[in-house]
Amino acid sequence: MSSPKPPYPLSAFKAKQEGRVVLELEVLEDGAVGQVRLAQSSTVESLDESALATVKKWKYSPAQKGGQIVKQWIRVSILFEVKSR
């Protein structure tokens, strides 16, 4: 799996804005991310946008069901904290 952290938007970082973004991702048969849905907003638009843009580039090991590779939906949570950057 390749899942680099989303960049902290500079304006949000300087304003010390923090939040958690929860996303639902469709993991395709090749491990790429297909559709992405915002399940829970951080209430800071720039944090939400950074998370959405970044996860579209992530790669996963595809899921298997009955020995067959299948699409699946997963939920991920991304925390933006000023102190951790």
N, C-alpha and C. Protein backbone atom coordinates (compact mmCIF):
# COMPACT_ATOMS: atom_id res chain seq x y z
N MET A 1 0.84 -1.18 0.00
CA MET A 1 0.00 0.00 0.00
C MET A 1 0.88 1.24 0.00
N SER A 2 0.49 2.23 -0.74
CA SER A 2 1.17 3.51 -0.76
C SER A 2 0.16 4.58 -0.35
N SER A 3 0.41 5.19 0.80
CA SER A 3 -0.55 6.19 1.29
C SER A 3 0.16 7.34 2.01
N PRO A 4 0.82 8.20 1.23
CA PRO A 4 1.49 9.35 1.86
C PRO A 4 0.49 10.28 2.52
N LYS A 5 0.95 10.96 3.57
CA LYS A 5 0.10 11.91 4.28
C LYS A 5 -0.26 13.08 3.37
N PRO A 6 -1.50 13.55 3.48
CA PRO A 6 -1.87 14.74 2.71
C PRO A 6 -1.09 15.96 3.22
N PRO A 7 -0.74 16.87 2.33
CA PRO A 7 -0.05 18.08 2.78
C PRO A 7 -0.99 18.95 3.61
N TYR A 8 -0.42 19.57 4.62
CA TYR A 8 -1.20 20.49 5.46
C TYR A 8 -1.27 21.81 4.70
N PRO A 9 -2.45 22.28 4.34
CA PRO A 9 -2.54 23.56 3.63
C PRO A 9 -1.93 24.68 4.48
N LEU A 10 -1.09 25.48 3.87
CA LEU A 10 -0.36 26.51 4.59
C LEU A 10 -1.28 27.48 5.33
N SER A 11 -2.37 27.88 4.68
CA SER A 11 -3.29 28.83 5.32
C SER A 11 -3.92 28.22 6.57
N ALA A 12 -4.27 26.94 6.52
CA ALA A 12 -4.86 26.26 7.68
C ALA A 12 -3.81 26.07 8.77
N PHE A 13 -2.59 25.76 8.37
CA PHE A 13 -1.51 25.58 9.33
C PHE A 13 -1.22 26.88 10.08
N LYS A 14 -1.11 27.97 9.33
CA LYS A 14 -0.83 29.27 9.95
C LYS A 14 -1.96 29.71 10.88
N ALA A 15 -3.20 29.36 10.51
CA ALA A 15 -4.36 29.72 11.32
C ALA A 15 -4.60 28.72 12.45
N LYS A 16 -3.72 27.71 12.53
CA LYS A 16 -3.81 26.64 13.54
C LYS A 16 -5.16 25.93 13.50
N GLN A 17 -5.66 25.75 12.26
CA GLN A 17 -6.91 25.02 12.07
C GLN A 17 -6.61 23.53 12.04
N GLU A 18 -7.39 22.77 12.77
CA GLU A 18 -7.20 21.33 12.84
C GLU A 18 -8.53 20.64 12.55
N GLY A 19 -8.46 19.35 12.30
CA GLY A 19 -9.69 18.59 12.08
C GLY A 19 -9.42 17.19 11.58
N ARG A 20 -10.48 16.41 11.59
CA ARG A 20 -10.44 15.03 11.11
C ARG A 20 -11.35 14.92 9.89
N VAL A 21 -10.81 14.35 8.84
CA VAL A 21 -11.58 14.12 7.61
C VAL A 21 -11.79 12.61 7.50
N VAL A 22 -13.03 12.19 7.30
CA VAL A 22 -13.33 10.77 7.11
C VAL A 22 -13.83 10.60 5.68
N LEU A 23 -13.16 9.69 4.96
CA LEU A 23 -13.46 9.45 3.56
C LEU A 23 -13.83 7.99 3.32
N GLU A 24 -14.68 7.77 2.35
CA GLU A 24 -14.98 6.41 1.88
C GLU A 24 -14.34 6.28 0.51
N LEU A 25 -13.52 5.23 0.36
CA LEU A 25 -12.77 5.01 -0.88
C LEU A 25 -13.18 3.70 -1.54
N GLU A 26 -13.30 3.75 -2.85
CA GLU A 26 -13.51 2.53 -3.62
C GLU A 26 -12.14 2.06 -4.07
N VAL A 27 -11.75 0.88 -3.61
CA VAL A 27 -10.47 0.29 -4.02
C VAL A 27 -10.75 -0.66 -5.18
N LEU A 28 -10.18 -0.34 -6.34
CA LEU A 28 -10.43 -1.12 -7.55
C LEU A 28 -9.61 -2.41 -7.57
N GLU A 29 -9.88 -3.24 -8.55
CA GLU A 29 -9.21 -4.54 -8.66
C GLU A 29 -7.70 -4.43 -8.79
N ASP A 30 -7.21 -3.31 -9.34
CA ASP A 30 -5.76 -3.14 -9.49
C ASP A 30 -5.12 -2.43 -8.29
N GLY A 31 -5.93 -2.14 -7.27
CA GLY A 31 -5.42 -1.48 -6.07
C GLY A 31 -5.50 0.03 -6.11
N ALA A 32 -5.86 0.58 -7.26
CA ALA A 32 -6.01 2.04 -7.38
C ALA A 32 -7.30 2.49 -6.69
N VAL A 33 -7.35 3.75 -6.34
CA VAL A 33 -8.56 4.31 -5.74
C VAL A 33 -9.46 4.82 -6.86
N GLY A 34 -10.72 4.39 -6.82
CA GLY A 34 -11.71 4.83 -7.80
C GLY A 34 -12.46 6.03 -7.24
N GLN A 35 -13.71 5.82 -6.88
CA GLN A 35 -14.52 6.90 -6.34
C GLN A 35 -14.10 7.23 -4.91
N VAL A 36 -14.28 8.50 -4.54
CA VAL A 36 -13.99 8.94 -3.18
C VAL A 36 -15.17 9.77 -2.72
N ARG A 37 -15.65 9.47 -1.51
CA ARG A 37 -16.77 10.23 -0.95
C ARG A 37 -16.35 10.80 0.40
N LEU A 38 -16.79 12.02 0.66
CA LEU A 38 -16.55 12.66 1.94
C LEU A 38 -17.62 12.17 2.91
N ALA A 39 -17.22 11.38 3.89
CA ALA A 39 -18.16 10.84 4.86
C ALA A 39 -18.34 11.79 6.04
N GLN A 40 -17.27 12.50 6.39
CA GLN A 40 -17.33 13.47 7.49
C GLN A 40 -16.33 14.57 7.23
N SER A 41 -16.81 15.79 7.20
CA SER A 41 -15.96 16.94 6.96
C SER A 41 -15.21 17.34 8.23
N SER A 42 -14.06 17.92 8.02
CA SER A 42 -13.29 18.48 9.15
C SER A 42 -13.86 19.84 9.55
N THR A 43 -14.73 20.39 8.73
CA THR A 43 -15.31 21.73 8.80
C THR A 43 -14.33 22.81 8.32
N VAL A 44 -13.16 22.40 7.85
CA VAL A 44 -12.20 23.32 7.25
C VAL A 44 -12.03 22.87 5.80
N GLU A 45 -12.54 23.67 4.88
CA GLU A 45 -12.58 23.26 3.47
C GLU A 45 -11.22 22.88 2.91
N SER A 46 -10.18 23.64 3.26
CA SER A 46 -8.86 23.34 2.69
C SER A 46 -8.31 22.00 3.19
N LEU A 47 -8.65 21.60 4.41
CA LEU A 47 -8.22 20.29 4.92
C LEU A 47 -8.96 19.18 4.17
N ASP A 48 -10.26 19.37 3.98
CA ASP A 48 -11.05 18.38 3.24
C ASP A 48 -10.50 18.21 1.82
N GLU A 49 -10.22 19.32 1.16
CA GLU A 49 -9.72 19.28 -0.22
C GLU A 49 -8.36 18.60 -0.31
N SER A 50 -7.48 18.87 0.65
CA SER A 50 -6.16 18.24 0.65
C SER A 50 -6.28 16.73 0.81
N ALA A 51 -7.14 16.31 1.73
CA ALA A 51 -7.35 14.87 1.95
C ALA A 51 -7.93 14.21 0.70
N LEU A 52 -8.95 14.81 0.12
CA LEU A 52 -9.59 14.24 -1.07
C LEU A 52 -8.60 14.11 -2.23
N ALA A 53 -7.82 15.15 -2.48
CA ALA A 53 -6.87 15.12 -3.59
C ALA A 53 -5.78 14.07 -3.38
N THR A 54 -5.33 13.94 -2.15
CA THR A 54 -4.22 13.02 -1.88
C THR A 54 -4.63 11.56 -1.96
N VAL A 55 -5.79 11.19 -1.39
CA VAL A 55 -6.16 9.77 -1.37
C VAL A 55 -6.45 9.22 -2.76
N LYS A 56 -6.77 10.10 -3.70
CA LYS A 56 -7.01 9.63 -5.07
C LYS A 56 -5.74 9.04 -5.69
N LYS A 57 -4.58 9.35 -5.11
CA LYS A 57 -3.30 8.85 -5.62
C LYS A 57 -2.80 7.62 -4.85
N TRP A 58 -3.50 7.24 -3.80
CA TRP A 58 -3.07 6.10 -2.99
C TRP A 58 -3.22 4.80 -3.77
N LYS A 59 -2.44 3.79 -3.35
CA LYS A 59 -2.49 2.44 -3.93
C LYS A 59 -2.66 1.45 -2.79
N TYR A 60 -3.47 0.44 -3.01
CA TYR A 60 -3.73 -0.61 -2.03
C TYR A 60 -3.46 -1.98 -2.62
N SER A 61 -3.34 -2.95 -1.77
CA SER A 61 -3.37 -4.34 -2.22
C SER A 61 -4.85 -4.66 -2.42
N PRO A 62 -5.24 -5.16 -3.58
CA PRO A 62 -6.66 -5.41 -3.82
C PRO A 62 -7.22 -6.50 -2.91
N ALA A 63 -8.50 -6.39 -2.65
CA ALA A 63 -9.20 -7.37 -1.81
C ALA A 63 -9.48 -8.63 -2.61
N GLN A 64 -9.63 -9.73 -1.88
CA GLN A 64 -9.99 -10.99 -2.51
C GLN A 64 -11.20 -11.58 -1.80
N LYS A 65 -12.05 -12.19 -2.59
CA LYS A 65 -13.21 -12.88 -2.04
C LYS A 65 -13.36 -14.18 -2.82
N GLY A 66 -13.27 -15.29 -2.12
CA GLY A 66 -13.37 -16.58 -2.79
C GLY A 66 -12.27 -16.79 -3.82
N GLY A 67 -11.09 -16.25 -3.55
CA GLY A 67 -9.96 -16.40 -4.46
C GLY A 67 -9.98 -15.44 -5.65
N GLN A 68 -11.01 -14.62 -5.75
CA GLN A 68 -11.13 -13.66 -6.84
C GLN A 68 -10.82 -12.26 -6.33
N ILE A 69 -10.12 -11.47 -7.14
CA ILE A 69 -9.86 -10.08 -6.78
C ILE A 69 -11.14 -9.28 -7.03
N VAL A 70 -11.52 -8.48 -6.02
CA VAL A 70 -12.77 -7.73 -6.10
C VAL A 70 -12.56 -6.28 -5.69
N LYS A 71 -13.50 -5.44 -6.13
CA LYS A 71 -13.55 -4.05 -5.65
C LYS A 71 -14.07 -4.07 -4.23
N GLN A 72 -13.69 -3.04 -3.47
CA GLN A 72 -14.25 -2.92 -2.13
C GLN A 72 -14.29 -1.46 -1.73
N TRP A 73 -15.16 -1.14 -0.80
CA TRP A 73 -15.22 0.20 -0.22
C TRP A 73 -14.61 0.14 1.16
N ILE A 74 -13.76 1.11 1.46
CA ILE A 74 -13.16 1.19 2.78
C ILE A 74 -13.35 2.61 3.31
N ARG A 75 -13.20 2.76 4.60
CA ARG A 75 -13.32 4.06 5.25
C ARG A 75 -11.97 4.41 5.85
N VAL A 76 -11.50 5.62 5.60
CA VAL A 76 -10.23 6.08 6.18
C VAL A 76 -10.45 7.40 6.89
N SER A 77 -9.68 7.59 7.92
CA SER A 77 -9.74 8.80 8.72
C SER A 77 -8.38 9.49 8.66
N ILE A 78 -8.38 10.77 8.36
CA ILE A 78 -7.15 11.54 8.27
C ILE A 78 -7.22 12.69 9.26
N LEU A 79 -6.26 12.73 10.16
CA LEU A 79 -6.23 13.74 11.21
C LEU A 79 -5.19 14.80 10.87
N PHE A 80 -5.63 16.02 10.87
CA PHE A 80 -4.73 17.16 10.68
C PHE A 80 -4.55 17.82 12.04
N GLU A 81 -3.33 17.76 12.57
CA GLU A 81 -2.99 18.40 13.83
C GLU A 81 -1.76 19.26 13.63
N VAL A 82 -1.82 20.50 14.06
CA VAL A 82 -0.70 21.42 13.90
C VAL A 82 0.53 20.88 14.61
N LYS A 83 0.38 20.35 15.81
CA LYS A 83 1.55 19.89 16.59
C LYS A 83 2.27 18.71 15.95
N SER A 84 1.58 17.93 15.10
CA SER A 84 2.22 16.75 14.51
C SER A 84 2.92 17.05 13.19
N ARG A 85 2.91 18.29 12.74
CA ARG A 85 3.55 18.64 11.47
C ARG A 85 4.81 19.43 11.70
